[in-house]
């Protein structure tokens, strides 16, 4: 069944009404797919909250890449322990399930993992995957929550609603300035609204307050960070990462910015490899015309091995942000920025 994020609680209430537990319900998994981290995280928070009400007090988190050992994971849940606590098995899909992974998920449709609720998080799922036999089988009995990206023409109204929900009173010019500043980064928007709430409470907030908040954030922005990467200035990129973190810019925002740049570069490289001209490749990747020259110079000097290393580092950063990786997030972010600038790993060198 496909659900909207706002329908998660009602679906849990229906499945587990009258105090029935996991053993009395056919629902044992929710798959949340979205390219928007804020929406995906908030939907996951709601699922975890519902699971806690059902007594799921433990959580196990796994990052699922192309080489993940699905069979080893399945073996851990083949038999129920008499003294085991109910737990949430949270799977972050860096790549779609392999053949082994699909077999495990389909086997769980017949015999779900004991005392476990499975929460699957992934990027947006393409239509060709949604129409596959195995995914349709999963959706028939379990919950899938697809969340689509925010349309650019809906950002202003979304930001206004979010501000109202936070109890903030922003003037129209203040909302316009804030929208320009966040440039579509909803995680950054959420952080700024939280900060404004702490600074100004229920007082009216005008564009002067927004400008002060922006100028106080840091001398640099995340856009300066990605510009440094595109210019191949690895040392400057590291300095900007350190400066932004010292100014309490959230790690997920830094990772979002670097990962977005990585995805754009990867799309350009793949399109060119498939025979597209550079201009067409940039158009497919959504690069504005006035920025194409910077990308052209960077793609020329960026080796495929660097893109692969950057992808691996981004996965490690994501795991560290979610506390599923013991490596220091600051060093990982610095290394990711340095590699994305076209240089070999410098700080952590974990890949």
Protein backbone atom coordinates (compact mmCIF):
# COMPACT_ATOMS: atom_id res chain seq x y z
CA UNK A 1 0.00 0.00 0.00
CA UNK A 2 1.21 3.49 -0.84
CA UNK A 3 0.78 6.07 1.89
CA UNK A 4 1.21 9.79 2.20
CA UNK A 5 3.47 10.91 5.08
CA UNK A 6 0.48 12.33 6.93
CA UNK A 7 -1.23 8.93 6.71
CA UNK A 8 1.45 6.99 8.61
CA UNK A 9 -0.12 7.35 12.06
CA UNK A 10 -3.59 6.41 10.84
CA UNK A 11 -2.20 3.33 9.09
CA UNK A 12 -0.46 2.19 12.29
CA UNK A 13 -3.64 2.82 14.27
CA UNK A 14 -5.60 0.68 11.82
CA UNK A 15 -3.05 -2.13 11.73
CA UNK A 16 -2.43 -2.25 15.48
CA UNK A 17 -5.76 -1.05 16.89
CA UNK A 18 -7.13 -2.46 20.14
CA UNK A 19 -3.65 -3.05 21.47
CA UNK A 20 -2.75 -5.77 19.00
CA UNK A 21 0.99 -6.29 18.61
CA UNK A 22 3.26 -7.12 15.72
CA UNK A 23 2.29 -10.80 15.74
CA UNK A 24 -1.39 -9.88 15.14
CA UNK A 25 -0.76 -7.64 12.13
CA UNK A 26 0.40 -8.20 8.56
CA UNK A 27 2.37 -4.93 8.66
CA UNK A 28 6.03 -5.43 9.51
CA UNK A 29 7.76 -2.92 7.19
CA UNK A 30 7.56 0.66 5.94
CA UNK A 31 9.65 1.84 2.98
CA UNK A 32 10.15 5.62 2.74
CA UNK A 33 11.58 6.88 -0.56
CA UNK A 34 12.46 10.50 -1.29
CA UNK A 35 15.25 12.68 -2.64
CA UNK A 36 14.40 15.32 -0.01
CA UNK A 37 16.30 14.51 3.23
CA UNK A 38 14.10 16.67 5.48
CA UNK A 39 10.84 15.03 4.38
CA UNK A 40 12.37 11.55 4.50
CA UNK A 41 13.77 12.12 7.99
CA UNK A 42 10.50 13.50 9.33
CA UNK A 43 8.51 10.56 7.94
CA UNK A 44 11.05 8.18 9.48
CA UNK A 45 10.68 10.00 12.81
CA UNK A 46 6.93 9.39 12.68
CA UNK A 47 7.39 5.67 11.96
CA UNK A 48 9.89 5.33 14.81
CA UNK A 49 7.50 7.17 17.16
CA UNK A 50 4.67 4.79 16.27
CA UNK A 51 6.99 1.80 16.77
CA UNK A 52 8.03 3.05 20.21
CA UNK A 53 4.38 3.16 21.25
CA UNK A 54 4.20 -0.52 20.28
CA UNK A 55 7.17 -1.36 22.48
CA UNK A 56 10.03 -1.34 19.98
CA UNK A 57 12.75 -0.06 22.29
CA UNK A 58 15.87 -1.05 20.35
CA UNK A 59 17.12 0.01 16.93
CA UNK A 60 19.69 -1.52 14.60
CA UNK A 61 20.94 0.58 11.66
CA UNK A 62 22.59 -0.74 8.50
CA UNK A 63 23.95 1.09 5.44
CA UNK A 64 23.06 -1.00 2.39
CA UNK A 65 25.44 -0.66 -0.55
CA UNK A 66 25.81 -2.77 -3.67
CA UNK A 67 28.05 -5.30 -1.89
CA UNK A 68 25.99 -5.63 1.31
CA UNK A 69 25.67 -9.15 2.74
CA UNK A 70 21.88 -9.60 2.73
CA UNK A 71 22.09 -13.31 3.48
CA UNK A 72 24.16 -12.61 6.58
CA UNK A 73 21.56 -10.08 7.70
CA UNK A 74 18.72 -12.54 7.13
CA UNK A 75 20.47 -15.21 9.21
CA UNK A 76 20.42 -12.89 12.23
CA UNK A 77 16.61 -12.88 12.18
CA UNK A 78 15.83 -16.49 11.29
CA UNK A 79 14.96 -17.47 14.82
CA UNK A 80 13.40 -15.50 17.63
CA UNK A 81 15.15 -15.33 20.96
CA UNK A 82 12.96 -16.01 23.99
CA UNK A 83 14.40 -12.94 25.73
CA UNK A 84 14.81 -10.66 22.72
CA UNK A 85 13.33 -7.18 22.85
CA UNK A 86 11.28 -5.88 19.97
CA UNK A 87 13.56 -3.81 17.78
CA UNK A 88 13.52 -1.61 14.68
CA UNK A 89 15.73 -2.76 11.82
CA UNK A 90 16.57 0.45 9.94
CA UNK A 91 18.01 -0.05 6.46
CA UNK A 92 19.51 2.93 4.61
CA UNK A 93 19.67 1.96 0.94
CA UNK A 94 22.65 3.55 -0.79
CA UNK A 95 21.78 1.29 -3.74
CA UNK A 96 18.63 -0.67 -4.57
CA UNK A 97 18.60 -4.24 -3.21
CA UNK A 98 20.69 -6.76 -5.10
CA UNK A 99 19.26 -10.08 -6.28
CA UNK A 100 20.06 -11.49 -2.85
CA UNK A 101 18.44 -8.50 -1.18
CA UNK A 102 15.25 -8.85 -3.18
CA UNK A 103 15.09 -12.53 -2.29
CA UNK A 104 15.46 -11.71 1.41
CA UNK A 105 12.71 -9.08 1.31
CA UNK A 106 10.37 -11.42 -0.56
CA UNK A 107 11.14 -14.25 1.87
CA UNK A 108 10.22 -11.92 4.72
CA UNK A 109 6.81 -11.46 3.09
CA UNK A 110 6.20 -15.12 3.93
CA UNK A 111 8.06 -15.17 7.24
CA UNK A 112 8.85 -11.71 8.67
CA UNK A 113 11.96 -11.28 10.87
CA UNK A 114 11.10 -12.17 14.45
CA UNK A 115 10.29 -9.38 16.94
CA UNK A 116 11.41 -6.81 14.37
CA UNK A 117 9.88 -3.91 12.49
CA UNK A 118 11.75 -3.03 9.30
CA UNK A 119 12.16 0.64 8.30
CA UNK A 120 13.67 1.09 4.84
CA UNK A 121 14.95 4.51 3.72
CA UNK A 122 16.01 5.27 0.16
CA UNK A 123 16.21 7.96 -2.49
CA UNK A 124 13.31 8.35 -4.91
CA UNK A 125 12.41 5.08 -6.64
CA UNK A 126 12.21 5.24 -10.42
CA UNK A 127 9.05 4.10 -12.22
CA UNK A 128 10.79 1.12 -13.78
CA UNK A 129 11.53 -0.23 -10.28
CA UNK A 130 8.03 0.55 -9.01
CA UNK A 131 6.65 -1.58 -11.84
CA UNK A 132 8.84 -4.61 -11.18
CA UNK A 133 7.19 -7.80 -9.92
CA UNK A 134 9.19 -7.95 -6.68
CA UNK A 135 8.41 -4.36 -5.68
CA UNK A 136 4.73 -4.76 -6.47
CA UNK A 137 4.71 -7.84 -4.23
CA UNK A 138 6.25 -5.80 -1.43
CA UNK A 139 3.73 -2.96 -1.84
CA UNK A 140 0.77 -5.33 -1.82
CA UNK A 141 1.21 -6.18 1.84
CA UNK A 142 3.60 -3.57 3.25
CA UNK A 143 3.62 0.22 3.34
CA UNK A 144 5.49 2.39 0.85
CA UNK A 145 5.70 6.14 1.51
CA UNK A 146 6.93 7.92 -1.64
CA UNK A 147 7.62 11.62 -1.00
CA UNK A 148 8.13 13.84 -4.02
CA UNK A 149 10.51 16.83 -4.10
CA UNK A 150 9.22 20.30 -3.36
CA UNK A 151 8.26 22.16 -6.53
CA UNK A 152 9.94 25.53 -6.84
CA UNK A 153 6.61 27.36 -7.07
CA UNK A 154 5.47 25.75 -3.83
CA UNK A 155 8.47 26.70 -1.73
CA UNK A 156 7.17 30.10 -0.64
CA UNK A 157 3.87 28.73 0.70
CA UNK A 158 5.67 25.77 2.35
CA UNK A 159 8.09 28.15 4.07
CA UNK A 160 5.22 30.33 5.29
CA UNK A 161 3.38 27.28 6.71
CA UNK A 162 6.57 26.06 8.39
CA UNK A 163 7.14 29.47 9.96
CA UNK A 164 3.55 29.56 11.26
CA UNK A 165 3.91 26.06 12.72
CA UNK A 166 7.03 27.27 14.55
CA UNK A 167 5.05 30.21 15.96
CA UNK A 168 7.04 32.74 13.93
CA UNK A 169 5.63 35.99 12.55
CA UNK A 170 7.61 36.81 9.40
CA UNK A 171 6.78 39.76 7.18
CA UNK A 172 6.37 39.08 3.44
CA UNK A 173 9.77 40.67 2.60
CA UNK A 174 11.40 38.57 5.34
CA UNK A 175 9.94 35.39 3.85
CA UNK A 176 11.16 36.39 0.40
CA UNK A 177 14.70 37.05 1.65
CA UNK A 178 14.77 33.77 3.59
CA UNK A 179 13.58 31.87 0.51
CA UNK A 180 16.37 33.40 -1.58
CA UNK A 181 18.95 32.52 1.06
CA UNK A 182 18.05 28.85 1.47
CA UNK A 183 17.92 28.34 -2.32
CA UNK A 184 15.79 25.20 -2.13
CA UNK A 185 17.70 23.55 0.74
CA UNK A 186 14.86 22.53 3.07
CA UNK A 187 17.25 21.31 5.77
CA UNK A 188 18.80 24.79 5.82
CA UNK A 189 15.32 26.30 5.96
CA UNK A 190 14.40 24.16 8.96
CA UNK A 191 17.63 25.13 10.73
CA UNK A 192 17.11 28.85 10.08
CA UNK A 193 13.52 28.75 11.34
CA UNK A 194 14.64 27.00 14.52
CA UNK A 195 17.33 29.64 15.02
CA UNK A 196 14.89 32.50 14.41
CA UNK A 197 12.49 30.98 16.92
CA UNK A 198 15.22 30.91 19.57
CA UNK A 199 16.35 34.45 18.78
CA UNK A 200 13.02 36.24 18.38
CA UNK A 201 10.24 34.00 19.68
CA UNK A 202 6.81 35.41 18.87
CA UNK A 203 8.04 38.90 17.95
CA UNK A 204 7.55 40.06 14.39
CA UNK A 205 10.54 39.27 12.16
CA UNK A 206 11.33 41.53 9.23
CA UNK A 207 14.00 41.42 6.53
CA UNK A 208 16.50 43.15 8.82
CA UNK A 209 16.32 40.24 11.27
CA UNK A 210 16.77 37.75 8.40
CA UNK A 211 19.77 39.68 7.03
CA UNK A 212 21.34 39.79 10.50
CA UNK A 213 20.78 36.05 10.97
CA UNK A 214 22.34 35.29 7.59
CA UNK A 215 25.35 37.54 8.12
CA UNK A 216 25.87 36.05 11.58
CA UNK A 217 25.83 32.51 10.22
CA UNK A 218 29.32 32.72 8.80
CA UNK A 219 31.60 34.54 6.46
CA UNK A 220 31.10 31.65 4.08
CA UNK A 221 28.04 29.79 2.85
CA UNK A 222 27.64 26.25 1.57
CA UNK A 223 27.66 27.75 -1.91
CA UNK A 224 31.17 29.09 -1.32
CA UNK A 225 32.08 25.52 -0.37
CA UNK A 226 30.80 24.00 -3.61
CA UNK A 227 32.36 26.84 -5.63
CA UNK A 228 35.74 26.03 -4.08
CA UNK A 229 35.29 22.39 -5.05
CA UNK A 230 34.44 23.31 -8.64
CA UNK A 231 37.51 25.53 -8.82
CA UNK A 232 39.69 22.64 -7.67
CA UNK A 233 40.74 24.51 -4.51
CA UNK A 234 40.91 21.61 -2.09
CA UNK A 235 42.66 23.44 0.77
CA UNK A 236 40.12 26.28 0.60
CA UNK A 237 37.27 23.77 0.58
CA UNK A 238 38.61 22.17 3.77
CA UNK A 239 38.94 25.60 5.40
CA UNK A 240 35.34 26.43 4.54
CA UNK A 241 34.10 23.12 5.97
CA UNK A 242 35.93 23.81 9.24
CA UNK A 243 34.70 27.40 9.38
CA UNK A 244 31.07 26.50 8.70
CA UNK A 245 31.16 23.79 11.39
CA UNK A 246 32.67 26.26 13.86
CA UNK A 247 29.67 28.49 13.14
CA UNK A 248 27.31 25.59 13.96
CA UNK A 249 26.17 24.92 10.41
CA UNK A 250 24.66 21.44 10.72
CA UNK A 251 26.59 18.49 9.31
CA UNK A 252 23.56 17.23 7.30
CA UNK A 253 23.46 20.58 5.50
CA UNK A 254 27.16 20.39 4.61
CA UNK A 255 26.72 16.81 3.42
CA UNK A 256 23.61 17.77 1.42
CA UNK A 257 25.55 20.51 -0.37
CA UNK A 258 28.53 18.31 -1.23
CA UNK A 259 26.36 15.33 -2.19
CA UNK A 260 24.24 17.47 -4.49
CA UNK A 261 27.38 18.64 -6.28
CA UNK A 262 28.58 15.04 -6.51
CA UNK A 263 25.31 13.94 -8.09
CA UNK A 264 25.46 16.75 -10.66
CA UNK A 265 29.04 15.90 -11.63
CA UNK A 266 28.20 12.20 -11.87
CA UNK A 267 25.21 12.92 -14.13
CA UNK A 268 27.38 15.01 -16.44
CA UNK A 269 30.06 12.32 -16.66
CA UNK A 270 27.50 9.56 -17.31
CA UNK A 271 25.70 11.58 -19.98
CA UNK A 272 28.96 12.34 -21.77
CA UNK A 273 29.96 8.69 -21.61
CA UNK A 274 26.62 7.85 -23.25
CA UNK A 275 27.45 10.17 -26.16
CA UNK A 276 25.84 13.47 -25.12
CA UNK A 277 27.61 16.74 -25.78
CA UNK A 278 28.83 18.64 -22.75
CA UNK A 279 26.09 21.25 -23.13
CA UNK A 280 23.39 18.58 -23.37
CA UNK A 281 24.90 16.74 -20.39
CA UNK A 282 24.76 19.94 -18.33
CA UNK A 283 21.17 20.50 -19.36
CA UNK A 284 20.24 16.98 -18.29
CA UNK A 285 21.96 17.57 -14.94
CA UNK A 286 20.14 20.87 -14.41
CA UNK A 287 23.23 23.11 -14.59
CA UNK A 288 22.47 26.75 -15.40
CA UNK A 289 24.11 28.06 -18.57
CA UNK A 290 26.21 30.67 -16.75
CA UNK A 291 27.79 27.93 -14.57
CA UNK A 292 28.57 25.47 -17.33
CA UNK A 293 32.09 26.75 -17.96
CA UNK A 294 33.08 26.09 -14.34
CA UNK A 295 31.73 22.55 -14.60
CA UNK A 296 33.48 21.99 -17.92
CA UNK A 297 36.87 22.88 -16.45
CA UNK A 298 36.28 20.74 -13.38
CA UNK A 299 35.01 17.66 -15.23
CA UNK A 300 38.14 17.84 -17.39
CA UNK A 301 40.43 17.53 -14.39
CA UNK A 302 38.21 15.26 -12.27
CA UNK A 303 39.24 11.63 -12.74
CA UNK A 304 36.60 8.85 -12.60
CA UNK A 305 38.49 7.35 -9.64
CA UNK A 306 37.93 10.60 -7.72
CA UNK A 307 34.19 10.45 -8.36
CA UNK A 308 34.10 6.89 -7.06
CA UNK A 309 36.10 7.89 -3.96
CA UNK A 310 33.82 10.88 -3.40
CA UNK A 311 30.75 8.62 -3.58
CA UNK A 312 32.26 6.21 -1.04
CA UNK A 313 33.14 9.10 1.26
CA UNK A 314 29.62 10.53 0.94
CA UNK A 315 28.24 7.15 2.07
CA UNK A 316 30.62 7.16 5.06
CA UNK A 317 29.58 10.73 5.91
CA UNK A 318 25.91 9.77 5.76
CA UNK A 319 26.53 6.86 8.12
CA UNK A 320 28.50 9.09 10.51
CA UNK A 321 25.73 11.70 10.53
CA UNK A 322 23.26 8.94 11.49
CA UNK A 323 25.63 7.67 14.21
CA UNK A 324 26.05 4.39 12.34
CA UNK A 325 29.74 4.96 11.67
CA UNK A 326 32.43 5.60 14.33
CA UNK A 327 34.64 7.67 11.99
CA UNK A 328 34.79 11.43 12.86
CA UNK A 329 32.31 13.36 10.74
CA UNK A 330 34.49 16.49 10.56
CA UNK A 331 37.40 14.63 9.01
CA UNK A 332 35.10 12.76 6.64
CA UNK A 333 33.48 15.99 5.42
CA UNK A 334 36.91 17.57 4.90
CA UNK A 335 38.06 14.55 2.94
CA UNK A 336 34.89 14.56 0.83
CA UNK A 337 35.33 18.25 -0.03
CA UNK A 338 39.01 17.67 -0.86
CA UNK A 339 38.31 14.68 -3.11
CA UNK A 340 35.40 16.47 -4.80
CA UNK A 341 37.90 19.23 -5.62
CA UNK A 342 39.84 16.67 -7.66
CA UNK A 343 42.50 15.64 -5.14
CA UNK A 344 43.28 12.27 -3.52
CA UNK A 345 41.92 11.60 0.01
CA UNK A 346 43.92 13.61 2.51
CA UNK A 347 42.49 13.52 6.01
CA UNK A 348 40.88 10.16 6.74
CA UNK A 349 41.82 8.27 3.57
CA UNK A 350 39.31 5.49 4.44
CA UNK A 351 38.72 4.47 0.81
